[in-house]
Protein backbone atom coordinates (compact mmCIF):
# COMPACT_ATOMS: atom_id res chain seq x y z
CA UNK A 1 140.56 133.89 25.38
CA UNK A 2 144.18 134.63 24.44
CA UNK A 3 147.14 133.67 26.61
CA UNK A 4 148.22 136.31 29.10
CA UNK A 5 150.67 136.79 31.94
CA UNK A 6 149.70 135.03 35.15
CA UNK A 7 149.24 136.81 38.46
CA UNK A 8 151.42 135.85 41.43
CA UNK A 9 148.51 133.80 42.85
CA UNK A 10 148.03 131.96 39.55
CA UNK A 11 151.76 131.25 39.22
CA UNK A 12 151.79 129.84 42.77
CA UNK A 13 148.80 127.66 41.88
CA UNK A 14 150.54 126.33 38.76
CA UNK A 15 153.85 125.60 40.51
CA UNK A 16 152.17 123.85 43.44
CA UNK A 17 149.88 121.82 41.17
CA UNK A 18 152.83 120.61 39.11
CA UNK A 19 154.75 119.79 42.29
CA UNK A 20 151.80 117.59 43.33
CA UNK A 21 152.17 115.66 40.06
CA UNK A 22 149.22 117.21 38.23
CA UNK A 23 149.86 117.05 34.50
CA UNK A 24 150.21 120.30 32.54
CA UNK A 25 146.92 119.59 30.75
CA UNK A 26 145.11 119.10 34.09
CA UNK A 27 146.61 122.36 35.38
CA UNK A 28 145.59 124.16 32.16
CA UNK A 29 142.00 122.95 32.56
CA UNK A 30 141.95 124.02 36.24
CA UNK A 31 143.31 127.47 35.37
CA UNK A 32 140.60 127.91 32.78
CA UNK A 33 137.87 126.76 35.20
CA UNK A 34 139.05 128.53 38.35
CA UNK A 35 140.62 131.70 36.93
CA UNK A 36 139.19 131.99 33.40
CA UNK A 37 142.79 131.98 32.12
CA UNK A 38 143.82 129.98 29.07
CA UNK A 39 147.36 128.63 28.89
CA UNK A 40 148.68 125.77 26.79
CA UNK A 41 150.13 122.75 28.56
CA UNK A 42 153.46 123.68 26.93
CA UNK A 43 153.36 127.12 28.55
CA UNK A 44 152.58 125.51 31.90
CA UNK A 45 155.61 123.21 31.61
CA UNK A 46 157.77 126.33 31.98
CA UNK A 47 156.78 126.28 35.69
CA UNK A 48 158.20 122.77 36.25
CA UNK A 49 161.93 122.90 37.07
CA UNK A 50 162.21 119.19 36.21
CA UNK A 51 161.24 119.85 32.59
CA UNK A 52 163.47 121.31 29.92
CA UNK A 53 160.98 124.15 29.49
CA UNK A 54 161.36 125.03 33.18
CA UNK A 55 165.16 125.16 33.21
CA UNK A 56 165.15 128.96 33.54
CA UNK A 57 162.44 129.12 36.20
CA UNK A 58 163.11 131.77 38.87
CA UNK A 59 164.75 130.52 42.08
CA UNK A 60 161.72 131.41 44.24
CA UNK A 61 159.48 129.20 42.08
CA UNK A 62 162.00 126.36 42.09
CA UNK A 63 162.15 126.55 45.89
CA UNK A 64 158.34 126.58 46.15
CA UNK A 65 158.16 123.60 43.80
CA UNK A 66 160.69 121.58 45.84
CA UNK A 67 159.07 122.45 49.20
CA UNK A 68 155.61 121.60 47.90
CA UNK A 69 156.76 118.30 46.38
CA UNK A 70 158.57 117.30 49.59
CA UNK A 71 155.51 118.07 51.73
CA UNK A 72 153.22 116.28 49.28
CA UNK A 73 155.33 113.13 49.28
CA UNK A 74 155.69 113.10 53.07
CA UNK A 75 152.03 113.84 53.78
CA UNK A 76 150.33 110.68 52.55
CA UNK A 77 148.90 110.21 56.05
CA UNK A 78 146.26 112.84 55.29
CA UNK A 79 145.06 110.91 52.22
CA UNK A 80 142.39 108.52 53.46
CA UNK A 81 142.83 105.87 50.79
CA UNK A 82 146.49 105.48 51.76
CA UNK A 83 145.34 103.62 54.90
CA UNK A 84 144.64 99.89 54.68
CA UNK A 85 141.62 100.09 57.00
CA UNK A 86 139.95 102.68 54.77
CA UNK A 87 140.56 100.56 51.67
CA UNK A 88 139.22 97.43 53.38
CA UNK A 89 136.06 99.21 54.55
CA UNK A 90 135.45 100.48 51.02
CA UNK A 91 136.01 96.98 49.61
CA UNK A 92 133.58 95.60 52.23
CA UNK A 93 130.87 98.08 51.17
CA UNK A 94 131.42 97.29 47.49
CA UNK A 95 131.41 93.52 48.06
CA UNK A 96 128.19 93.74 50.11
CA UNK A 97 126.50 95.78 47.40
CA UNK A 98 127.74 93.48 44.62
CA UNK A 99 126.46 90.43 46.50
CA UNK A 100 123.11 92.08 47.22
CA UNK A 101 122.74 92.86 43.51
CA UNK A 102 123.60 89.28 42.62
CA UNK A 103 126.89 90.17 40.94
CA UNK A 104 128.87 87.23 42.29
CA UNK A 105 131.75 87.69 39.85
CA UNK A 106 132.37 91.22 41.11
CA UNK A 107 131.84 90.16 44.74
CA UNK A 108 134.37 87.36 44.31
CA UNK A 109 136.85 89.73 42.71
CA UNK A 110 136.46 92.20 45.57
CA UNK A 111 136.95 89.45 48.16
CA UNK A 112 140.14 88.40 46.38
CA UNK A 113 141.35 92.01 46.36
CA UNK A 114 140.62 92.33 50.10
CA UNK A 115 142.54 89.12 50.80
CA UNK A 116 145.49 90.42 48.81
CA UNK A 117 145.31 93.72 50.70
CA UNK A 118 145.45 91.91 54.04
CA UNK A 119 148.27 89.69 52.76
CA UNK A 120 150.43 92.71 51.79
CA UNK A 121 150.13 91.95 48.08
CA UNK A 122 150.04 95.71 47.40
CA UNK A 123 153.25 96.63 49.20
CA UNK A 124 156.89 96.41 48.24
CA UNK A 125 157.64 94.75 51.57
CA UNK A 126 158.50 91.06 51.24
CA UNK A 127 159.73 88.80 53.98
CA UNK A 128 162.26 86.19 52.90
CA UNK A 129 163.23 83.37 55.24
CA UNK A 130 165.10 80.12 55.11
CA UNK A 131 163.78 76.60 55.69
CA UNK A 132 160.82 76.40 58.11
CA UNK A 133 160.82 80.19 58.58
CA UNK A 134 164.34 80.22 60.00
CA UNK A 135 167.22 82.43 58.95
CA UNK A 136 168.72 82.10 55.49
CA UNK A 137 171.90 80.06 55.73
CA UNK A 138 174.81 81.24 53.69
CA UNK A 139 178.12 79.62 52.93
CA UNK A 140 181.33 81.37 52.03
CA UNK A 141 183.86 79.47 49.95
CA UNK A 142 186.75 80.56 47.79
CA UNK A 143 186.75 79.67 44.12
CA UNK A 144 189.64 77.24 44.79
CA UNK A 145 187.49 75.36 47.32
CA UNK A 146 184.66 75.17 44.79
CA UNK A 147 186.99 73.84 42.07
CA UNK A 148 188.56 71.36 44.44
CA UNK A 149 185.14 70.07 45.52
CA UNK A 150 183.97 69.79 41.89
CA UNK A 151 187.09 67.82 41.02
CA UNK A 152 186.36 65.37 43.81
CA UNK A 153 182.75 64.82 42.78
């Protein structure tokens, strides 16, 4: 099927899909499946205002893209796997099945992953403390004080 102009509904679909970080090739495949429309990934890039090809995208589509992206990024709460409890339950099911099937290597790997999950290994949050968990002690000296002390030592 040759490329053709998209309907308003199809354009909305493309813009919102790109805003949700779907790649142009994924969007092209979805258009073909859902709408029987064939577009190249390069043609789809014209609907992404962050790409050079989308630099001349109409203001209404740019606004839709930005609103959709903002909502998508803020709405991780509705994605089940974004919750630690959901991930741990899934790991529990997988570890149980692996152990039942005698796959101890996989079971061990899953247990390690669960332990890392509980220990915040998969977050950017790190807690840094001083000696014995206390506050970090800092010292402020001028460069003259440092040189003077080095000369004495």
